[in-house]
C-alpha atoms as a PDB file:
ATOM      1  CA  MET A   1      53.828 157.093  31.073  1.00  0.00           C
ATOM      2  CA  ASN A   2      52.717 160.145  29.181  1.00  0.00           C
ATOM      3  CA  SER A   3      49.806 161.932  30.890  1.00  0.00           C
ATOM      4  CA  THR A   4      48.149 165.215  31.302  1.00  0.00           C
ATOM      5  CA  TYR A   5      47.873 166.631  34.804  1.00  0.00           C
ATOM      6  CA  PHE A   6      46.569 169.642  36.567  1.00  0.00           C
ATOM      7  CA  LEU A   7      48.806 172.058  38.418  1.00  0.00           C
ATOM      8  CA  GLY A   8      47.520 175.193  40.216  1.00  0.00           C
ATOM      9  CA  ASN A   9      45.129 176.776  37.848  1.00  0.00           C
ATOM     10  CA  ARG A  10      46.276 175.227  34.527  1.00  0.00           C
ATOM     11  CA  TRP A  11      46.658 172.014  32.655  1.00  0.00           C
ATOM     12  CA  VAL A  12      50.211 170.845  32.037  1.00  0.00           C
ATOM     13  CA  LEU A  13      50.905 168.796  28.975  1.00  0.00           C
ATOM     14  CA  PRO A  14      54.188 167.020  29.147  1.00  0.00           C
ATOM     15  CA  MET A  15      56.285 166.395  26.058  1.00  0.00           C
ATOM     16  CA  VAL A  16      54.620 163.602  24.177  1.00  0.00           C
ATOM     17  CA  THR A  17      54.788 162.163  20.791  1.00  0.00           C
ATOM     18  CA  GLN A  18      51.298 163.262  19.881  1.00  0.00           C
ATOM     19  CA  THR A  19      49.868 166.770  19.600  1.00  0.00           C
ATOM     20  CA  CYS A  20      47.103 167.829  21.998  1.00  0.00           C
ATOM     21  CA  VAL A  21      44.607 170.697  21.614  1.00  0.00           C
ATOM     22  CA  LEU A  22      42.334 172.315  24.161  1.00  0.00           C
ATOM     23  CA  VAL A  23      38.775 172.556  22.891  1.00  0.00           C
ATOM     24  CA  ALA A  24      35.914 173.773  25.062  1.00  0.00           C
ATOM     25  CA  SER A  25      37.944 172.630  28.136  1.00  0.00           C
ATOM     26  CA  PHE A  26      38.541 169.144  26.827  1.00  0.00           C
ATOM     27  CA  ILE A  27      41.885 167.776  25.775  1.00  0.00           C
ATOM     28  CA  ILE A  28      41.583 166.256  22.339  1.00  0.00           C
ATOM     29  CA  CYS A  29      44.571 164.585  20.972  1.00  0.00           C
ATOM     30  CA  ASP A  30      45.815 164.007  17.353  1.00  0.00           C
ATOM     31  CA  GLN A  31      45.095 160.291  17.879  1.00  0.00           C
ATOM     32  CA  ALA A  32      41.397 161.050  17.887  1.00  0.00           C
ATOM     33  CA  LEU A  33      41.290 163.836  15.351  1.00  0.00           C
ATOM     34  CA  ALA A  34      43.006 161.338  12.930  1.00  0.00           C
ATOM     35  CA  SER A  35      40.844 158.444  13.976  1.00  0.00           C
ATOM     36  CA  ALA A  36      39.198 158.091  10.517  1.00  0.00           C
ATOM     37  CA  SER A  37      42.630 157.744   9.103  1.00  0.00           C
ATOM     38  CA  ASN A  38      43.428 155.028  11.756  1.00  0.00           C
ATOM     39  CA  VAL A  39      40.322 153.186  10.933  1.00  0.00           C
ATOM     40  CA  LEU A  40      41.064 153.137   7.180  1.00  0.00           C
ATOM     41  CA  VAL A  41      44.539 151.759   7.698  1.00  0.00           C
ATOM     42  CA  SER A  42      43.152 149.009  10.026  1.00  0.00           C
ATOM     43  CA  LEU A  43      40.296 148.004   7.712  1.00  0.00           C
ATOM     44  CA  LYS A  44      42.612 147.830   4.682  1.00  0.00           C
ATOM     45  CA  SER A  45      45.040 145.682   6.602  1.00  0.00           C
ATOM     46  CA  PRO A  46      45.281 141.845   5.968  1.00  0.00           C
ATOM     47  CA  ASN A  47      45.208 141.431   9.678  1.00  0.00           C
ATOM     48  CA  VAL A  48      41.664 139.760  10.403  1.00  0.00           C
ATOM     49  CA  LYS A  49      41.846 140.307  14.099  1.00  0.00           C
ATOM     50  CA  GLY A  50      42.721 144.114  13.631  1.00  0.00           C
ATOM     51  CA  LYS A  51      39.845 144.517  11.176  1.00  0.00           C
ATOM     52  CA  LEU A  52      37.265 142.812  13.451  1.00  0.00           C
ATOM     53  CA  LYS A  53      38.531 144.874  16.419  1.00  0.00           C
ATOM     54  CA  THR A  54      38.000 148.031  14.373  1.00  0.00           C
ATOM     55  CA  LEU A  55      34.630 146.985  13.076  1.00  0.00           C
ATOM     56  CA  GLU A  56      33.558 146.196  16.633  1.00  0.00           C
ATOM     57  CA  SER A  57      34.950 149.442  18.208  1.00  0.00           C
ATOM     58  CA  LYS A  58      33.007 152.172  19.854  1.00  0.00           C
ATOM     59  CA  GLU A  59      34.095 154.660  17.351  1.00  0.00           C
ATOM     60  CA  MET A  60      32.752 152.725  14.331  1.00  0.00           C
ATOM     61  CA  HIS A  61      29.441 152.186  15.975  1.00  0.00           C
ATOM     62  CA  GLY A  62      29.277 155.643  17.116  1.00  0.00           C
ATOM     63  CA  CYS A  63      29.959 157.057  13.726  1.00  0.00           C
ATOM     64  CA  PHE A  64      27.604 154.847  11.800  1.00  0.00           C
ATOM     65  CA  PHE A  65      24.832 154.294  14.192  1.00  0.00           C
ATOM     66  CA  ALA A  66      22.690 157.030  15.849  1.00  0.00           C
ATOM     67  CA  ASP A  67      24.389 157.304  19.380  1.00  0.00           C
ATOM     68  CA  ASP A  68      23.726 160.495  21.233  1.00  0.00           C
ATOM     69  CA  GLU A  69      26.458 159.563  23.739  1.00  0.00           C
ATOM     70  CA  TYR A  70      29.202 159.572  21.124  1.00  0.00           C
ATOM     71  CA  ASP A  71      30.337 162.696  19.264  1.00  0.00           C
ATOM     72  CA  CYS A  72      31.840 161.478  15.964  1.00  0.00           C
ATOM     73  CA  LEU A  73      34.762 163.702  14.868  1.00  0.00           C
ATOM     74  CA  TRP A  74      34.763 162.437  11.269  1.00  0.00           C
ATOM     75  CA  THR A  75      34.017 164.854   8.585  1.00  0.00           C
ATOM     76  CA  GLN A  76      31.501 163.881   5.847  1.00  0.00           C
ATOM     77  CA  GLU A  77      34.276 163.122   3.506  1.00  0.00           C
ATOM     78  CA  GLU A  78      36.034 160.902   5.974  1.00  0.00           C
ATOM     79  CA  TRP A  79      32.846 159.122   6.570  1.00  0.00           C
ATOM     80  CA  ASN A  80      32.311 158.374   2.893  1.00  0.00           C
ATOM     81  CA  GLY A  81      35.898 157.173   2.689  1.00  0.00           C
ATOM     82  CA  VAL A  82      35.407 154.684   5.541  1.00  0.00           C
ATOM     83  CA  LEU A  83      31.982 153.535   3.873  1.00  0.00           C
ATOM     84  CA  ASN A  84      33.822 152.965   0.584  1.00  0.00           C
ATOM     85  CA  VAL A  85      36.198 150.661   2.187  1.00  0.00           C
ATOM     86  CA  VAL A  86      33.526 148.840   4.287  1.00  0.00           C
ATOM     87  CA  ILE A  87      31.648 148.195   1.046  1.00  0.00           C
ATOM     88  CA  GLY A  88      34.667 146.564  -0.290  1.00  0.00           C
ATOM     89  CA  LEU A  89      34.973 144.347   2.787  1.00  0.00           C
ATOM     90  CA  ALA A  90      31.580 142.689   1.727  1.00  0.00           C
ATOM     91  CA  SER A  91      33.614 140.314  -0.184  1.00  0.00           C
ATOM     92  CA  ASP A  92      36.425 139.851   2.359  1.00  0.00           C
ATOM     93  CA  PRO A  93      37.644 136.351   2.504  1.00  0.00           C
ATOM     94  CA  HIS A  94      36.835 135.927   6.316  1.00  0.00           C
ATOM     95  CA  PRO A  95      33.111 135.382   7.175  1.00  0.00           C
ATOM     96  CA  ARG A  96      33.182 137.036  10.545  1.00  0.00           C
ATOM     97  CA  VAL A  97      34.405 140.167   8.761  1.00  0.00           C
ATOM     98  CA  ARG A  98      31.598 139.861   6.164  1.00  0.00           C
ATOM     99  CA  GLU A  99      28.977 139.428   8.840  1.00  0.00           C
ATOM    100  CA  SER A 100      30.147 142.353  10.777  1.00  0.00           C
ATOM    101  CA  VAL A 101      30.070 144.599   7.550  1.00  0.00           C
ATOM    102  CA  VAL A 102      26.383 143.783   6.959  1.00  0.00           C
ATOM    103  CA  HIS A 103      25.434 145.759  10.122  1.00  0.00           C
ATOM    104  CA  TYR A 104      27.189 148.829   8.872  1.00  0.00           C
ATOM    105  CA  LEU A 105      25.828 148.585   5.066  1.00  0.00           C
ATOM    106  CA  TYR A 106      22.114 148.420   6.163  1.00  0.00           C
ATOM    107  CA  VAL A 107      22.147 151.480   8.103  1.00  0.00           C
ATOM    108  CA  SER A 108      23.646 153.500   5.075  1.00  0.00           C
ATOM    109  CA  THR A 109      21.496 155.388   2.761  1.00  0.00           C
ATOM    110  CA  ASP A 110      23.934 154.986   0.070  1.00  0.00           C
ATOM    111  CA  ALA A 111      22.303 153.139  -2.890  1.00  0.00           C
ATOM    112  CA  ARG A 112      25.574 151.279  -3.526  1.00  0.00           C
ATOM    113  CA  ILE A 113      25.059 149.057  -0.502  1.00  0.00           C
ATOM    114  CA  VAL A 114      22.067 147.166  -2.062  1.00  0.00           C
ATOM    115  CA  GLU A 115      24.059 144.943  -4.564  1.00  0.00           C
ATOM    116  CA  PRO A 116      26.670 143.807  -2.028  1.00  0.00           C
ATOM    117  CA  LEU A 117      24.036 142.875   0.452  1.00  0.00           C
ATOM    118  CA  GLY A 118      22.121 141.183  -2.277  1.00  0.00           C
ATOM    119  CA  LEU A 119      25.185 139.098  -3.056  1.00  0.00           C
ATOM    120  CA  MET A 120      25.640 138.333   0.598  1.00  0.00           C
ATOM    121  CA  LEU A 121      22.313 136.467   0.539  1.00  0.00           C
ATOM    122  CA  MET A 122      24.081 133.592  -1.281  1.00  0.00           C
ATOM    123  CA  ASP A 123      27.112 133.504   0.986  1.00  0.00           C
ATOM    124  CA  PRO A 124      28.087 130.102   2.105  1.00  0.00           C
ATOM    125  CA  ASP A 125      28.362 131.114   5.613  1.00  0.00           C
ATOM    126  CA  LEU A 126      25.285 130.963   7.916  1.00  0.00           C
ATOM    127  CA  GLY A 127      26.002 134.011   9.745  1.00  0.00           C
ATOM    128  CA  VAL A 128      26.460 136.128   6.812  1.00  0.00           C
ATOM    129  CA  ARG A 129      23.350 134.877   5.071  1.00  0.00           C
ATOM    130  CA  ARG A 130      21.278 135.455   8.230  1.00  0.00           C
ATOM    131  CA  ALA A 131      22.506 138.974   8.741  1.00  0.00           C
ATOM    132  CA  ALA A 132      22.177 139.825   5.129  1.00  0.00           C
ATOM    133  CA  VAL A 133      18.526 138.629   4.776  1.00  0.00           C
ATOM    134  CA  ARG A 134      17.390 140.397   7.923  1.00  0.00           C
ATOM    135  CA  SER A 135      19.001 143.584   6.698  1.00  0.00           C
ATOM    136  CA  PHE A 136      16.398 143.634   3.791  1.00  0.00           C
ATOM    137  CA  VAL A 137      13.498 144.153   6.483  1.00  0.00           C
ATOM    138  CA  THR A 138      14.422 147.740   6.636  1.00  0.00           C
ATOM    139  CA  ILE A 139      15.392 148.223   2.910  1.00  0.00           C
ATOM    140  CA  TRP A 140      12.639 148.771   0.309  1.00  0.00           C
ATOM    141  CA  LEU A 141      13.729 147.176  -2.978  1.00  0.00           C
ATOM    142  CA  GLY A 142      10.921 148.411  -5.312  1.00  0.00           C
ATOM    143  CA  ASP A 143      10.782 147.390  -8.954  1.00  0.00           C
ATOM    144  CA  HIS A 144      14.510 147.533  -9.480  1.00  0.00           C
ATOM    145  CA  GLY A 145      15.240 144.774  -6.784  1.00  0.00           C
ATOM    146  CA  ALA A 146      13.348 141.925  -8.363  1.00  0.00           C
ATOM    147  CA  HIS A 147      16.447 139.756  -8.770  1.00  0.00           C
ATOM    148  CA  ILE A 148      17.291 140.225  -4.986  1.00  0.00           C
ATOM    149  CA  VAL A 149      13.700 139.350  -4.149  1.00  0.00           C
ATOM    150  CA  ARG A 150      14.093 136.056  -5.897  1.00  0.00           C
ATOM    151  CA  ARG A 151      17.174 135.448  -3.892  1.00  0.00           C
ATOM    152  CA  ILE A 152      15.297 136.100  -0.569  1.00  0.00           C
ATOM    153  CA  GLU A 153      12.663 133.652  -1.840  1.00  0.00           C
ATOM    154  CA  ARG A 154      15.105 130.945  -2.546  1.00  0.00           C
ATOM    155  CA  LEU A 155      16.213 131.390   1.196  1.00  0.00           C
ATOM    156  CA  LEU A 156      12.823 130.093   2.395  1.00  0.00           C
ATOM    157  CA  GLU A 157      14.465 126.623   1.453  1.00  0.00           C
ATOM    158  CA  ASP A 158      17.655 127.257   3.440  1.00  0.00           C
ATOM    159  CA  GLU A 159      18.790 124.517   5.708  1.00  0.00           C
ATOM    160  CA  TRP A 160      18.833 126.900   8.765  1.00  0.00           C
ATOM    161  CA  PRO A 161      15.529 127.789  10.350  1.00  0.00           C
ATOM    162  CA  SER A 162      16.907 131.318  11.322  1.00  0.00           C
ATOM    163  CA  VAL A 163      17.720 132.170   7.768  1.00  0.00           C
ATOM    164  CA  ARG A 164      14.282 130.875   6.531  1.00  0.00           C
ATOM    165  CA  SER A 165      12.381 132.871   9.188  1.00  0.00           C
ATOM    166  CA  GLY A 166      14.533 135.877   8.219  1.00  0.00           C
ATOM    167  CA  ALA A 167      13.530 135.389   4.498  1.00  0.00           C
ATOM    168  CA  ALA A 168       9.764 135.219   5.447  1.00  0.00           C
ATOM    169  CA  GLY A 169      10.007 138.380   7.633  1.00  0.00           C
ATOM    170  CA  THR A 170      11.831 140.219   4.916  1.00  0.00           C
ATOM    171  CA  LEU A 171       9.240 139.294   2.325  1.00  0.00           C
ATOM    172  CA  ILE A 172       6.544 141.054   4.579  1.00  0.00           C
ATOM    173  CA  THR A 173       8.349 144.279   3.252  1.00  0.00           C
ATOM    174  CA  ASN A 174       9.631 143.290  -0.200  1.00  0.00           C
ATOM    175  CA  GLY A 175       7.281 140.341  -1.278  1.00  0.00           C
ATOM    176  CA  THR A 176       5.347 140.039  -4.472  1.00  0.00           C
ATOM    177  CA  ARG A 177       2.457 137.858  -5.530  1.00  0.00           C
ATOM    178  CA  GLN A 178       5.077 135.291  -6.642  1.00  0.00           C
ATOM    179  CA  SER A 179       6.482 135.526  -3.167  1.00  0.00           C
ATOM    180  CA  LEU A 180       3.154 134.895  -1.702  1.00  0.00           C
ATOM    181  CA  GLU A 181       2.942 131.529  -3.498  1.00  0.00           C
ATOM    182  CA  LYS A 182       6.593 130.624  -2.552  1.00  0.00           C
ATOM    183  CA  LEU A 183       5.774 131.417   1.194  1.00  0.00           C
ATOM    184  CA  LYS A 184       2.624 129.136   1.078  1.00  0.00           C
ATOM    185  CA  THR A 185       4.668 126.292  -0.312  1.00  0.00           C
ATOM    186  CA  ALA A 186       7.402 126.824   2.352  1.00  0.00           C
ATOM    187  CA  TYR A 187       4.739 127.156   5.036  1.00  0.00           C
ATOM    188  CA  ARG A 188       3.227 123.672   4.242  1.00  0.00           C
ATOM    189  CA  ARG A 189       6.585 121.883   4.619  1.00  0.00           C
ATOM    190  CA  GLU A 190       8.111 124.037   7.440  1.00  0.00           C
ATOM    191  CA  THR A 191       9.035 121.903  10.607  1.00  0.00           C
ATOM    192  CA  ASP A 192      10.258 124.557  12.899  1.00  0.00           C
ATOM    193  CA  GLN A 193       7.469 126.098  14.990  1.00  0.00           C
ATOM    194  CA  GLY A 194       8.839 129.621  15.376  1.00  0.00           C
ATOM    195  CA  THR A 195       9.721 129.865  11.582  1.00  0.00           C
ATOM    196  CA  SER A 196       6.330 128.492  10.673  1.00  0.00           C
ATOM    197  CA  ALA A 197       4.736 131.354  12.803  1.00  0.00           C
ATOM    198  CA  ILE A 198       6.675 134.042  11.043  1.00  0.00           C
ATOM    199  CA  MET A 199       5.783 132.595   7.633  1.00  0.00           C
ATOM    200  CA  ALA A 200       2.078 132.493   8.604  1.00  0.00           C
ATOM    201  CA  GLU A 201       2.253 136.179   9.487  1.00  0.00           C
ATOM    202  CA  ALA A 202       4.065 136.949   6.355  1.00  0.00           C
ATOM    203  CA  ILE A 203       1.382 135.229   4.403  1.00  0.00           C
ATOM    204  CA  THR A 204      -1.398 137.161   6.094  1.00  0.00           C
ATOM    205  CA  GLN A 205       0.371 140.568   5.469  1.00  0.00           C
ATOM    206  CA  LEU A 206       0.973 139.874   1.840  1.00  0.00           C
ATOM    207  CA  GLU A 207      -2.630 138.671   1.240  1.00  0.00           C
ATOM    208  CA  ARG A 208      -3.884 141.938   2.570  1.00  0.00           C
ATOM    209  CA  ARG A 209      -1.748 143.771   0.074  1.00  0.00           C
ATOM    210  CA  GLN A 210      -2.784 141.960  -2.952  1.00  0.00           C
END
């Protein structure tokens, strides 16, 4: 097994297939330095398990989410390259890949993520719809996102309570006068207690803004 070990007062690096460099007393190998390239290869692969493993990896989470315990080694150019591929995976044929992708898209400030997330509101998979609608809680759509707000309003009639409640919560941020009327109609026929409570709060918040 290849390993690095300490002998006397120096580090000894055996002959290995990967190159290692000493930076600030830490051994960093080319596998880590090339990690963005490895991530791209995995995400572009048709292997679903490989893509999911990469999307759930500490490296992806550390480079996309604010994590003080993880020092992302990607350059801005590499990060943008990974984001480009992640955006493309919004239309991946496997629902678990699409659901995982949602969590990376909504933390990006790139304007291109809005339309893919908007399309995922109509996804046939419950997990994808639920993740997508909840993502818009933190995304302000403004006047240019009226078509997406209409899709969110339609999710007030979704068959799953978790999607309906997600739509109601999102309309607190992005709802309009029309949304208020849609919420009132949905609230009157809602049978799930938790979802009904979120709808009531959304109605109260939107009424205050009118």
